[in-house]
C-alpha atoms as a PDB file:
ATOM      1  CA  UNK A   1     107.970 -47.249  -8.210  1.00  0.00           C
ATOM      2  CA  UNK A   2     109.483 -46.165 -11.915  1.00  0.00           C
ATOM      3  CA  UNK A   3     106.441 -47.862 -13.683  1.00  0.00           C
ATOM      4  CA  UNK A   4     103.724 -45.770 -11.228  1.00  0.00           C
ATOM      5  CA  UNK A   5     105.912 -42.407 -12.139  1.00  0.00           C
ATOM      6  CA  UNK A   6     105.856 -43.441 -15.768  1.00  0.00           C
ATOM      7  CA  UNK A   7     102.428 -44.114 -15.705  1.00  0.00           C
ATOM      8  CA  UNK A   8     101.313 -41.001 -13.986  1.00  0.00           C
ATOM      9  CA  UNK A   9     103.693 -39.019 -16.509  1.00  0.00           C
ATOM     10  CA  UNK A  10     102.069 -40.440 -19.191  1.00  0.00           C
ATOM     11  CA  UNK A  11      98.513 -39.732 -18.135  1.00  0.00           C
ATOM     12  CA  UNK A  12      99.508 -35.927 -17.671  1.00  0.00           C
ATOM     13  CA  UNK A  13     101.473 -35.976 -21.052  1.00  0.00           C
ATOM     14  CA  UNK A  14      97.769 -37.362 -22.683  1.00  0.00           C
ATOM     15  CA  UNK A  15      95.713 -34.697 -20.895  1.00  0.00           C
ATOM     16  CA  UNK A  16      98.177 -31.960 -21.684  1.00  0.00           C
ATOM     17  CA  UNK A  17      98.000 -33.050 -25.572  1.00  0.00           C
ATOM     18  CA  UNK A  18      94.045 -33.220 -24.979  1.00  0.00           C
ATOM     19  CA  UNK A  19      93.725 -29.897 -23.805  1.00  0.00           C
ATOM     20  CA  UNK A  20      96.075 -28.218 -26.481  1.00  0.00           C
ATOM     21  CA  UNK A  21      94.095 -30.005 -29.551  1.00  0.00           C
ATOM     22  CA  UNK A  22      90.623 -28.592 -27.797  1.00  0.00           C
ATOM     23  CA  UNK A  23      92.257 -24.862 -27.277  1.00  0.00           C
ATOM     24  CA  UNK A  24      91.061 -22.388 -29.804  1.00  0.00           C
ATOM     25  CA  UNK A  25      94.209 -21.528 -31.676  1.00  0.00           C
ATOM     26  CA  UNK A  26      93.043 -19.128 -34.198  1.00  0.00           C
ATOM     27  CA  UNK A  27      90.893 -18.701 -37.169  1.00  0.00           C
ATOM     28  CA  UNK A  28      90.145 -20.061 -40.462  1.00  0.00           C
ATOM     29  CA  UNK A  29      87.884 -18.803 -42.903  1.00  0.00           C
ATOM     30  CA  UNK A  30      86.999 -20.719 -46.139  1.00  0.00           C
ATOM     31  CA  UNK A  31      85.431 -18.757 -48.591  1.00  0.00           C
ATOM     32  CA  UNK A  32      83.758 -18.694 -51.955  1.00  0.00           C
ATOM     33  CA  UNK A  33      82.814 -15.634 -53.865  1.00  0.00           C
ATOM     34  CA  UNK A  34      80.317 -15.691 -56.588  1.00  0.00           C
ATOM     35  CA  UNK A  35      80.849 -12.651 -58.444  1.00  0.00           C
ATOM     36  CA  UNK A  36      84.588 -12.591 -58.601  1.00  0.00           C
ATOM     37  CA  UNK A  37      86.517 -15.169 -60.148  1.00  0.00           C
ATOM     38  CA  UNK A  38      90.182 -13.808 -59.780  1.00  0.00           C
ATOM     39  CA  UNK A  39      91.469 -10.957 -57.573  1.00  0.00           C
ATOM     40  CA  UNK A  40      91.995  -9.975 -54.270  1.00  0.00           C
ATOM     41  CA  UNK A  41      89.583  -9.885 -51.043  1.00  0.00           C
ATOM     42  CA  UNK A  42      90.480  -7.985 -47.930  1.00  0.00           C
ATOM     43  CA  UNK A  43      89.520  -8.514 -44.338  1.00  0.00           C
ATOM     44  CA  UNK A  44      88.681  -5.525 -42.331  1.00  0.00           C
ATOM     45  CA  UNK A  45      88.117  -5.332 -38.172  1.00  0.00           C
ATOM     46  CA  UNK A  46      85.730  -2.683 -37.080  1.00  0.00           C
ATOM     47  CA  UNK A  47      87.324  -0.366 -34.521  1.00  0.00           C
ATOM     48  CA  UNK A  48      86.894   3.200 -33.426  1.00  0.00           C
ATOM     49  CA  UNK A  49      83.868   3.742 -35.867  1.00  0.00           C
ATOM     50  CA  UNK A  50      85.465   2.261 -39.119  1.00  0.00           C
ATOM     51  CA  UNK A  51      86.765  -0.625 -40.615  1.00  0.00           C
ATOM     52  CA  UNK A  52      90.714  -0.830 -40.273  1.00  0.00           C
ATOM     53  CA  UNK A  53      92.926  -3.484 -42.663  1.00  0.00           C
ATOM     54  CA  UNK A  54      93.783  -6.564 -41.111  1.00  0.00           C
ATOM     55  CA  UNK A  55      94.840  -9.186 -43.859  1.00  0.00           C
ATOM     56  CA  UNK A  56      94.490  -9.623 -47.534  1.00  0.00           C
ATOM     57  CA  UNK A  57      94.226 -12.736 -49.869  1.00  0.00           C
ATOM     58  CA  UNK A  58      94.137 -13.984 -53.310  1.00  0.00           C
ATOM     59  CA  UNK A  59      90.861 -15.100 -55.103  1.00  0.00           C
ATOM     60  CA  UNK A  60      91.526 -18.053 -57.446  1.00  0.00           C
ATOM     61  CA  UNK A  61      88.417 -19.471 -59.370  1.00  0.00           C
ATOM     62  CA  UNK A  62      86.195 -17.636 -56.486  1.00  0.00           C
ATOM     63  CA  UNK A  63      87.811 -19.445 -53.480  1.00  0.00           C
ATOM     64  CA  UNK A  64      89.938 -17.392 -50.837  1.00  0.00           C
ATOM     65  CA  UNK A  65      91.031 -18.423 -47.457  1.00  0.00           C
ATOM     66  CA  UNK A  66      92.053 -16.623 -44.375  1.00  0.00           C
ATOM     67  CA  UNK A  67      94.211 -17.963 -41.371  1.00  0.00           C
ATOM     68  CA  UNK A  68      95.076 -15.923 -38.025  1.00  0.00           C
ATOM     69  CA  UNK A  69      94.420 -15.393 -34.751  1.00  0.00           C
ATOM     70  CA  UNK A  70      92.223 -12.662 -32.669  1.00  0.00           C
ATOM     71  CA  UNK A  71      92.262 -11.779 -29.346  1.00  0.00           C
ATOM     72  CA  UNK A  72      88.990 -11.630 -28.679  1.00  0.00           C
ATOM     73  CA  UNK A  73      85.364 -11.947 -30.785  1.00  0.00           C
ATOM     74  CA  UNK A  74      84.946  -8.805 -32.962  1.00  0.00           C
ATOM     75  CA  UNK A  75      83.074  -7.329 -35.859  1.00  0.00           C
ATOM     76  CA  UNK A  76      85.052  -7.691 -39.420  1.00  0.00           C
ATOM     77  CA  UNK A  77      84.424  -6.896 -42.908  1.00  0.00           C
ATOM     78  CA  UNK A  78      85.092  -8.684 -46.340  1.00  0.00           C
ATOM     79  CA  UNK A  79      85.569  -6.928 -49.595  1.00  0.00           C
ATOM     80  CA  UNK A  80      87.041  -6.826 -52.603  1.00  0.00           C
ATOM     81  CA  UNK A  81      87.718  -3.113 -52.908  1.00  0.00           C
ATOM     82  CA  UNK A  82      90.701  -2.159 -50.637  1.00  0.00           C
ATOM     83  CA  UNK A  83      89.349   1.175 -49.855  1.00  0.00           C
ATOM     84  CA  UNK A  84      85.481   0.165 -48.863  1.00  0.00           C
ATOM     85  CA  UNK A  85      84.509   1.841 -45.795  1.00  0.00           C
ATOM     86  CA  UNK A  86      81.453  -0.598 -45.920  1.00  0.00           C
ATOM     87  CA  UNK A  87      82.464  -4.241 -46.265  1.00  0.00           C
ATOM     88  CA  UNK A  88      80.273  -7.182 -45.867  1.00  0.00           C
ATOM     89  CA  UNK A  89      80.238  -7.739 -42.235  1.00  0.00           C
ATOM     90  CA  UNK A  90      80.387 -10.733 -39.832  1.00  0.00           C
ATOM     91  CA  UNK A  91      81.445 -11.786 -36.415  1.00  0.00           C
ATOM     92  CA  UNK A  92      84.984 -13.446 -36.060  1.00  0.00           C
ATOM     93  CA  UNK A  93      86.054 -15.437 -33.428  1.00  0.00           C
ATOM     94  CA  UNK A  94      88.849 -18.033 -33.549  1.00  0.00           C
ATOM     95  CA  UNK A  95      86.886 -21.332 -35.155  1.00  0.00           C
ATOM     96  CA  UNK A  96      87.155 -22.570 -38.506  1.00  0.00           C
ATOM     97  CA  UNK A  97      84.075 -21.013 -40.770  1.00  0.00           C
ATOM     98  CA  UNK A  98      82.560 -21.023 -44.227  1.00  0.00           C
ATOM     99  CA  UNK A  99      81.761 -18.113 -45.988  1.00  0.00           C
ATOM    100  CA  UNK A 100      79.693 -17.417 -49.229  1.00  0.00           C
ATOM    101  CA  UNK A 101      80.104 -14.019 -50.543  1.00  0.00           C
ATOM    102  CA  UNK A 102      78.637 -11.757 -53.505  1.00  0.00           C
ATOM    103  CA  UNK A 103      79.366  -8.261 -52.840  1.00  0.00           C
ATOM    104  CA  UNK A 104      77.600  -6.912 -55.695  1.00  0.00           C
ATOM    105  CA  UNK A 105      74.238  -8.025 -54.387  1.00  0.00           C
ATOM    106  CA  UNK A 106      75.509  -7.409 -50.684  1.00  0.00           C
ATOM    107  CA  UNK A 107      75.416 -11.116 -49.268  1.00  0.00           C
ATOM    108  CA  UNK A 108      77.703 -12.952 -47.073  1.00  0.00           C
ATOM    109  CA  UNK A 109      76.656 -16.130 -45.435  1.00  0.00           C
ATOM    110  CA  UNK A 110      78.772 -17.750 -42.923  1.00  0.00           C
ATOM    111  CA  UNK A 111      78.010 -21.236 -41.334  1.00  0.00           C
ATOM    112  CA  UNK A 112      80.147 -23.032 -38.390  1.00  0.00           C
ATOM    113  CA  UNK A 113      79.892 -20.038 -36.012  1.00  0.00           C
ATOM    114  CA  UNK A 114      76.747 -19.776 -33.359  1.00  0.00           C
ATOM    115  CA  UNK A 115      78.601 -16.254 -32.340  1.00  0.00           C
ATOM    116  CA  UNK A 116      78.143 -15.232 -36.089  1.00  0.00           C
ATOM    117  CA  UNK A 117      74.620 -16.615 -36.192  1.00  0.00           C
ATOM    118  CA  UNK A 118      73.739 -14.349 -33.295  1.00  0.00           C
ATOM    119  CA  UNK A 119      74.750 -11.440 -35.286  1.00  0.00           C
ATOM    120  CA  UNK A 120      73.312 -12.330 -38.587  1.00  0.00           C
ATOM    121  CA  UNK A 121      69.952 -12.850 -36.839  1.00  0.00           C
ATOM    122  CA  UNK A 122      69.982  -9.362 -34.991  1.00  0.00           C
ATOM    123  CA  UNK A 123      71.689  -7.359 -37.995  1.00  0.00           C
ATOM    124  CA  UNK A 124      68.555  -6.527 -39.591  1.00  0.00           C
ATOM    125  CA  UNK A 125      66.489  -6.059 -36.703  1.00  0.00           C
ATOM    126  CA  UNK A 126      68.677  -3.459 -34.871  1.00  0.00           C
ATOM    127  CA  UNK A 127      68.018  -1.301 -38.050  1.00  0.00           C
ATOM    128  CA  UNK A 128      64.565  -1.347 -37.812  1.00  0.00           C
ATOM    129  CA  UNK A 129      61.837   1.370 -36.268  1.00  0.00           C
ATOM    130  CA  UNK A 130      61.035   0.305 -32.562  1.00  0.00           C
ATOM    131  CA  UNK A 131      63.704  -2.702 -31.618  1.00  0.00           C
ATOM    132  CA  UNK A 132      64.530  -2.522 -28.386  1.00  0.00           C
ATOM    133  CA  UNK A 133      68.371  -3.102 -27.870  1.00  0.00           C
ATOM    134  CA  UNK A 134      67.353  -3.801 -24.023  1.00  0.00           C
ATOM    135  CA  UNK A 135      65.646  -7.460 -25.403  1.00  0.00           C
ATOM    136  CA  UNK A 136      69.026  -8.468 -27.052  1.00  0.00           C
ATOM    137  CA  UNK A 137      71.058  -7.338 -24.085  1.00  0.00           C
ATOM    138  CA  UNK A 138      68.927  -9.123 -21.568  1.00  0.00           C
ATOM    139  CA  UNK A 139      68.344 -12.268 -23.467  1.00  0.00           C
ATOM    140  CA  UNK A 140      72.360 -12.495 -24.403  1.00  0.00           C
ATOM    141  CA  UNK A 141      74.072 -10.241 -21.722  1.00  0.00           C
ATOM    142  CA  UNK A 142      77.695 -12.380 -21.982  1.00  0.00           C
ATOM    143  CA  UNK A 143      77.584 -12.738 -25.663  1.00  0.00           C
ATOM    144  CA  UNK A 144      80.442 -10.435 -27.443  1.00  0.00           C
ATOM    145  CA  UNK A 145      77.980  -9.260 -30.272  1.00  0.00           C
ATOM    146  CA  UNK A 146      75.558  -7.746 -27.810  1.00  0.00           C
ATOM    147  CA  UNK A 147      77.857  -4.972 -26.823  1.00  0.00           C
ATOM    148  CA  UNK A 148      78.749  -4.197 -30.534  1.00  0.00           C
ATOM    149  CA  UNK A 149      75.165  -3.727 -31.653  1.00  0.00           C
ATOM    150  CA  UNK A 150      75.139  -1.097 -28.441  1.00  0.00           C
ATOM    151  CA  UNK A 151      78.287   0.803 -29.549  1.00  0.00           C
ATOM    152  CA  UNK A 152      77.484   0.987 -33.268  1.00  0.00           C
ATOM    153  CA  UNK A 153      73.722   1.298 -33.401  1.00  0.00           C
ATOM    154  CA  UNK A 154      72.196   2.419 -30.057  1.00  0.00           C
ATOM    155  CA  UNK A 155      75.051   4.567 -28.106  1.00  0.00           C
ATOM    156  CA  UNK A 156      74.005   7.589 -30.229  1.00  0.00           C
ATOM    157  CA  UNK A 157      70.317   7.245 -29.504  1.00  0.00           C
ATOM    158  CA  UNK A 158      70.262   6.809 -25.564  1.00  0.00           C
ATOM    159  CA  UNK A 159      71.009   9.036 -22.805  1.00  0.00           C
ATOM    160  CA  UNK A 160      73.209   8.474 -19.876  1.00  0.00           C
ATOM    161  CA  UNK A 161      70.525   7.052 -17.472  1.00  0.00           C
ATOM    162  CA  UNK A 162      69.771   4.452 -20.275  1.00  0.00           C
ATOM    163  CA  UNK A 163      73.301   3.736 -21.492  1.00  0.00           C
ATOM    164  CA  UNK A 164      74.043   3.003 -17.680  1.00  0.00           C
ATOM    165  CA  UNK A 165      71.203   0.484 -17.014  1.00  0.00           C
ATOM    166  CA  UNK A 166      72.199  -1.450 -20.277  1.00  0.00           C
ATOM    167  CA  UNK A 167      75.992  -1.480 -19.210  1.00  0.00           C
ATOM    168  CA  UNK A 168      74.719  -2.990 -15.865  1.00  0.00           C
ATOM    169  CA  UNK A 169      73.133  -5.771 -17.516  1.00  0.00           C
ATOM    170  CA  UNK A 170      76.048  -7.002 -19.501  1.00  0.00           C
ATOM    171  CA  UNK A 171      77.786 -10.072 -17.993  1.00  0.00           C
ATOM    172  CA  UNK A 172      81.166  -9.556 -16.128  1.00  0.00           C
ATOM    173  CA  UNK A 173      82.809 -12.188 -18.479  1.00  0.00           C
ATOM    174  CA  UNK A 174      82.641  -9.202 -21.161  1.00  0.00           C
ATOM    175  CA  UNK A 175      84.541  -6.606 -18.841  1.00  0.00           C
ATOM    176  CA  UNK A 176      87.995  -5.250 -20.347  1.00  0.00           C
ATOM    177  CA  UNK A 177      86.503  -6.214 -23.867  1.00  0.00           C
ATOM    178  CA  UNK A 178      87.026  -3.609 -26.535  1.00  0.00           C
ATOM    179  CA  UNK A 179      83.335  -2.732 -27.159  1.00  0.00           C
ATOM    180  CA  UNK A 180      82.322  -2.655 -23.394  1.00  0.00           C
ATOM    181  CA  UNK A 181      85.316  -0.460 -22.863  1.00  0.00           C
ATOM    182  CA  UNK A 182      83.981   1.743 -25.440  1.00  0.00           C
ATOM    183  CA  UNK A 183      80.735   1.626 -23.687  1.00  0.00           C
ATOM    184  CA  UNK A 184      82.411   2.385 -20.533  1.00  0.00           C
ATOM    185  CA  UNK A 185      84.347   5.346 -21.923  1.00  0.00           C
ATOM    186  CA  UNK A 186      81.424   6.731 -23.585  1.00  0.00           C
ATOM    187  CA  UNK A 187      79.516   6.600 -20.136  1.00  0.00           C
ATOM    188  CA  UNK A 188      81.977   8.530 -18.679  1.00  0.00           C
ATOM    189  CA  UNK A 189      82.193  11.170 -21.274  1.00  0.00           C
ATOM    190  CA  UNK A 190      78.698  11.723 -20.920  1.00  0.00           C
ATOM    191  CA  UNK A 191      78.733  11.972 -17.294  1.00  0.00           C
ATOM    192  CA  UNK A 192      81.258  15.125 -18.067  1.00  0.00           C
ATOM    193  CA  UNK A 193      79.148  16.851 -19.877  1.00  0.00           C
ATOM    194  CA  UNK A 194      75.931  16.931 -17.665  1.00  0.00           C
ATOM    195  CA  UNK A 195      74.286  19.973 -16.590  1.00  0.00           C
ATOM    196  CA  UNK A 196      75.936  21.176 -13.623  1.00  0.00           C
ATOM    197  CA  UNK A 197      79.906  19.537 -14.435  1.00  0.00           C
ATOM    198  CA  UNK A 198      82.313  21.826 -15.146  1.00  0.00           C
ATOM    199  CA  UNK A 199      82.539  21.543 -19.225  1.00  0.00           C
ATOM    200  CA  UNK A 200      86.124  19.657 -20.044  1.00  0.00           C
ATOM    201  CA  UNK A 201      89.062  21.865 -21.655  1.00  0.00           C
ATOM    202  CA  UNK A 202      90.365  21.470 -24.536  1.00  0.00           C
ATOM    203  CA  UNK A 203      92.569  23.323 -27.249  1.00  0.00           C
ATOM    204  CA  UNK A 204      91.897  23.486 -31.175  1.00  0.00           C
ATOM    205  CA  UNK A 205      93.301  25.950 -33.929  1.00  0.00           C
ATOM    206  CA  UNK A 206      91.065  28.772 -35.160  1.00  0.00           C
ATOM    207  CA  UNK A 207      90.848  29.710 -39.021  1.00  0.00           C
ATOM    208  CA  UNK A 208      94.322  31.136 -39.014  1.00  0.00           C
ATOM    209  CA  UNK A 209      95.808  28.313 -37.450  1.00  0.00           C
ATOM    210  CA  UNK A 210      96.318  30.002 -33.898  1.00  0.00           C
ATOM    211  CA  UNK A 211      95.308  27.694 -30.830  1.00  0.00           C
ATOM    212  CA  UNK A 212      92.337  28.607 -28.645  1.00  0.00           C
ATOM    213  CA  UNK A 213      91.844  26.788 -25.412  1.00  0.00           C
ATOM    214  CA  UNK A 214      88.100  27.046 -23.792  1.00  0.00           C
ATOM    215  CA  UNK A 215      89.080  27.606 -20.305  1.00  0.00           C
ATOM    216  CA  UNK A 216      91.191  30.809 -21.799  1.00  0.00           C
ATOM    217  CA  UNK A 217      87.484  32.045 -22.160  1.00  0.00           C
ATOM    218  CA  UNK A 218      86.862  31.782 -18.392  1.00  0.00           C
ATOM    219  CA  UNK A 219      84.974  34.701 -17.014  1.00  0.00           C
ATOM    220  CA  UNK A 220      82.282  35.030 -19.682  1.00  0.00           C
ATOM    221  CA  UNK A 221      79.050  33.202 -20.594  1.00  0.00           C
ATOM    222  CA  UNK A 222      80.191  30.943 -23.634  1.00  0.00           C
ATOM    223  CA  UNK A 223      78.142  29.171 -26.014  1.00  0.00           C
ATOM    224  CA  UNK A 224      80.292  26.273 -27.274  1.00  0.00           C
ATOM    225  CA  UNK A 225      78.352  25.549 -30.578  1.00  0.00           C
ATOM    226  CA  UNK A 226      78.820  22.448 -32.869  1.00  0.00           C
ATOM    227  CA  UNK A 227      78.361  22.487 -36.518  1.00  0.00           C
ATOM    228  CA  UNK A 228      79.706  22.048 -39.901  1.00  0.00           C
ATOM    229  CA  UNK A 229      79.145  23.808 -43.029  1.00  0.00           C
ATOM    230  CA  UNK A 230      78.060  20.458 -44.480  1.00  0.00           C
ATOM    231  CA  UNK A 231      75.372  19.989 -42.000  1.00  0.00           C
ATOM    232  CA  UNK A 232      71.878  21.466 -43.370  1.00  0.00           C
ATOM    233  CA  UNK A 233      70.338  21.518 -40.041  1.00  0.00           C
ATOM    234  CA  UNK A 234      73.279  23.300 -38.509  1.00  0.00           C
ATOM    235  CA  UNK A 235      72.914  25.956 -41.259  1.00  0.00           C
ATOM    236  CA  UNK A 236      69.271  26.540 -40.841  1.00  0.00           C
ATOM    237  CA  UNK A 237      69.796  26.810 -36.916  1.00  0.00           C
ATOM    238  CA  UNK A 238      72.675  29.662 -37.666  1.00  0.00           C
ATOM    239  CA  UNK A 239      70.398  32.844 -38.160  1.00  0.00           C
ATOM    240  CA  UNK A 240      69.257  32.179 -34.681  1.00  0.00           C
ATOM    241  CA  UNK A 241      72.698  31.969 -33.393  1.00  0.00           C
ATOM    242  CA  UNK A 242      73.406  34.860 -35.141  1.00  0.00           C
ATOM    243  CA  UNK A 243      70.253  36.748 -33.522  1.00  0.00           C
ATOM    244  CA  UNK A 244      71.495  35.744 -30.017  1.00  0.00           C
ATOM    245  CA  UNK A 245      74.923  36.631 -30.790  1.00  0.00           C
ATOM    246  CA  UNK A 246      73.949  39.934 -32.023  1.00  0.00           C
ATOM    247  CA  UNK A 247      71.535  40.480 -28.996  1.00  0.00           C
ATOM    248  CA  UNK A 248      74.054  39.561 -26.411  1.00  0.00           C
ATOM    249  CA  UNK A 249      77.508  39.853 -27.060  1.00  0.00           C
ATOM    250  CA  UNK A 250      77.984  43.124 -25.153  1.00  0.00           C
ATOM    251  CA  UNK A 251      76.515  41.279 -22.356  1.00  0.00           C
ATOM    252  CA  UNK A 252      79.516  39.662 -20.975  1.00  0.00           C
ATOM    253  CA  UNK A 253      78.624  36.403 -23.432  1.00  0.00           C
ATOM    254  CA  UNK A 254      80.866  34.887 -26.135  1.00  0.00           C
ATOM    255  CA  UNK A 255      80.465  32.116 -28.953  1.00  0.00           C
ATOM    256  CA  UNK A 256      82.907  29.301 -29.572  1.00  0.00           C
ATOM    257  CA  UNK A 257      82.027  27.718 -32.977  1.00  0.00           C
ATOM    258  CA  UNK A 258      83.607  24.092 -33.561  1.00  0.00           C
ATOM    259  CA  UNK A 259      83.331  22.583 -36.700  1.00  0.00           C
ATOM    260  CA  UNK A 260      83.318  19.311 -37.679  1.00  0.00           C
ATOM    261  CA  UNK A 261      83.993  20.061 -41.053  1.00  0.00           C
ATOM    262  CA  UNK A 262      86.635  18.053 -43.406  1.00  0.00           C
ATOM    263  CA  UNK A 263      88.114  20.556 -45.410  1.00  0.00           C
ATOM    264  CA  UNK A 264      88.826  24.400 -44.585  1.00  0.00           C
ATOM    265  CA  UNK A 265      87.673  26.075 -47.619  1.00  0.00           C
ATOM    266  CA  UNK A 266      83.968  24.901 -47.266  1.00  0.00           C
ATOM    267  CA  UNK A 267      84.256  25.809 -43.552  1.00  0.00           C
ATOM    268  CA  UNK A 268      85.687  29.383 -43.956  1.00  0.00           C
ATOM    269  CA  UNK A 269      83.103  29.884 -46.821  1.00  0.00           C
ATOM    270  CA  UNK A 270      79.969  28.961 -44.750  1.00  0.00           C
ATOM    271  CA  UNK A 271      81.114  31.143 -41.928  1.00  0.00           C
ATOM    272  CA  UNK A 272      81.423  34.060 -44.290  1.00  0.00           C
ATOM    273  CA  UNK A 273      78.085  33.601 -46.080  1.00  0.00           C
ATOM    274  CA  UNK A 274      76.232  32.888 -42.524  1.00  0.00           C
ATOM    275  CA  UNK A 275      77.734  35.786 -40.929  1.00  0.00           C
ATOM    276  CA  UNK A 276      79.226  33.989 -37.954  1.00  0.00           C
ATOM    277  CA  UNK A 277      81.317  36.808 -36.597  1.00  0.00           C
ATOM    278  CA  UNK A 278      82.733  34.865 -33.288  1.00  0.00           C
ATOM    279  CA  UNK A 279      85.552  32.752 -32.537  1.00  0.00           C
ATOM    280  CA  UNK A 280      85.361  29.540 -34.839  1.00  0.00           C
ATOM    281  CA  UNK A 281      88.028  26.595 -34.295  1.00  0.00           C
ATOM    282  CA  UNK A 282      88.303  23.287 -35.879  1.00  0.00           C
ATOM    283  CA  UNK A 283      91.261  20.408 -36.307  1.00  0.00           C
ATOM    284  CA  UNK A 284      88.927  19.169 -39.690  1.00  0.00           C
ATOM    285  CA  UNK A 285      88.651  15.791 -38.605  1.00  0.00           C
ATOM    286  CA  UNK A 286      85.112  15.381 -38.781  1.00  0.00           C
ATOM    287  CA  UNK A 287      83.157  13.414 -36.302  1.00  0.00           C
ATOM    288  CA  UNK A 288      86.556  12.217 -34.961  1.00  0.00           C
ATOM    289  CA  UNK A 289      87.358  15.844 -34.116  1.00  0.00           C
ATOM    290  CA  UNK A 290      88.995  15.584 -30.768  1.00  0.00           C
ATOM    291  CA  UNK A 291      86.465  18.218 -29.056  1.00  0.00           C
ATOM    292  CA  UNK A 292      83.561  16.147 -30.792  1.00  0.00           C
ATOM    293  CA  UNK A 293      84.819  12.870 -29.029  1.00  0.00           C
ATOM    294  CA  UNK A 294      85.316  14.456 -25.812  1.00  0.00           C
ATOM    295  CA  UNK A 295      82.163  15.704 -25.626  1.00  0.00           C
ATOM    296  CA  UNK A 296      80.388  12.758 -26.862  1.00  0.00           C
ATOM    297  CA  UNK A 297      78.825  14.429 -30.142  1.00  0.00           C
ATOM    298  CA  UNK A 298      76.459  12.177 -31.774  1.00  0.00           C
ATOM    299  CA  UNK A 299      74.571  14.947 -33.734  1.00  0.00           C
ATOM    300  CA  UNK A 300      74.765  18.143 -34.773  1.00  0.00           C
ATOM    301  CA  UNK A 301      73.920  21.195 -34.208  1.00  0.00           C
ATOM    302  CA  UNK A 302      74.599  20.579 -30.693  1.00  0.00           C
ATOM    303  CA  UNK A 303      75.635  23.196 -28.336  1.00  0.00           C
ATOM    304  CA  UNK A 304      76.488  23.837 -24.332  1.00  0.00           C
ATOM    305  CA  UNK A 305      75.899  27.039 -22.291  1.00  0.00           C
ATOM    306  CA  UNK A 306      78.945  27.776 -19.464  1.00  0.00           C
ATOM    307  CA  UNK A 307      78.588  30.097 -16.906  1.00  0.00           C
ATOM    308  CA  UNK A 308      81.820  32.395 -16.375  1.00  0.00           C
ATOM    309  CA  UNK A 309      83.135  29.168 -14.174  1.00  0.00           C
ATOM    310  CA  UNK A 310      82.766  26.799 -17.115  1.00  0.00           C
ATOM    311  CA  UNK A 311      79.809  25.005 -15.348  1.00  0.00           C
ATOM    312  CA  UNK A 312      77.496  23.840 -17.944  1.00  0.00           C
ATOM    313  CA  UNK A 313      74.023  25.590 -17.576  1.00  0.00           C
ATOM    314  CA  UNK A 314      72.346  24.008 -20.583  1.00  0.00           C
ATOM    315  CA  UNK A 315      72.478  21.863 -23.294  1.00  0.00           C
ATOM    316  CA  UNK A 316      71.268  21.537 -26.774  1.00  0.00           C
ATOM    317  CA  UNK A 317      69.513  24.801 -27.354  1.00  0.00           C
ATOM    318  CA  UNK A 318      67.638  25.706 -30.518  1.00  0.00           C
ATOM    319  CA  UNK A 319      65.700  28.456 -32.002  1.00  0.00           C
ATOM    320  CA  UNK A 320      63.886  30.479 -29.322  1.00  0.00           C
ATOM    321  CA  UNK A 321      65.097  28.176 -26.312  1.00  0.00           C
ATOM    322  CA  UNK A 322      68.552  29.642 -26.795  1.00  0.00           C
ATOM    323  CA  UNK A 323      67.251  33.482 -26.460  1.00  0.00           C
ATOM    324  CA  UNK A 324      64.753  32.473 -23.569  1.00  0.00           C
ATOM    325  CA  UNK A 325      67.793  30.858 -21.863  1.00  0.00           C
ATOM    326  CA  UNK A 326      70.286  33.928 -22.282  1.00  0.00           C
ATOM    327  CA  UNK A 327      67.667  36.342 -21.240  1.00  0.00           C
ATOM    328  CA  UNK A 328      67.430  34.372 -18.041  1.00  0.00           C
ATOM    329  CA  UNK A 329      71.094  34.103 -17.360  1.00  0.00           C
ATOM    330  CA  UNK A 330      72.142  37.603 -18.528  1.00  0.00           C
ATOM    331  CA  UNK A 331      69.167  39.720 -17.127  1.00  0.00           C
END
């Protein structure tokens, strides 16, 4: 009986060792760089529309190595410039990969990763006019690469129904992953800003630093105007908004300008030069402005016309369309 137990134990132990040896415990990146002999190379992760620092390694005689573990396959980047916002991008999972890098020529070749093969194959295609992201989603609905391209290159181009259709095609195995969560969040935010919905409330500081709350403007028709001093199209559209303001400002109508500026000085200078005499707010966070994120702003100028109860009446009114809509609702 004892011998049988020992045999069974040995079998279980052997299966456990085999299972552990096959389990992915982390990644190993064996790198060669042809344009830097000695120095540093930085590993960055793509998250929240930007690359954040993860690790660094010493380059010795054109060779470097990274070891670590990631919780899920994600897009990463390599660069020899610590503050670079545009590293050489690849897809990283817990596996061993060989990398050949030349940053000056913008070349990164990765071998040993089927996931990265799919990324490298599609990265140049997604930037071509006429590329259909639906083709990638349909062909590879369970690949972690697929939602990355949806988030990075197509979310700002597609409407709500198109985004929902793509999301429905993604395999359930991707539920809860970072990029799919971002798609779900983006869809939710887009649903909140459709015509007929109550515009989400927000509070931002005005030009003097005083907090202004959208809901505090209830009782009036409100045009929320997203713009920035550095945006040429916004500056071209400003005369149309000024004309609408001068025509309707005494008819229970007001404007709330929400700037995606980075610095206060050019923001204030643009307000004065363009004679924008209504209320203006900004947290000076550029595209990461709290209100811009909340309203899923993908380009500017962009505006939302609200009724006195805060219900969205129209979106994206420009030129003649703005005055025509205001004539209609304020008659």
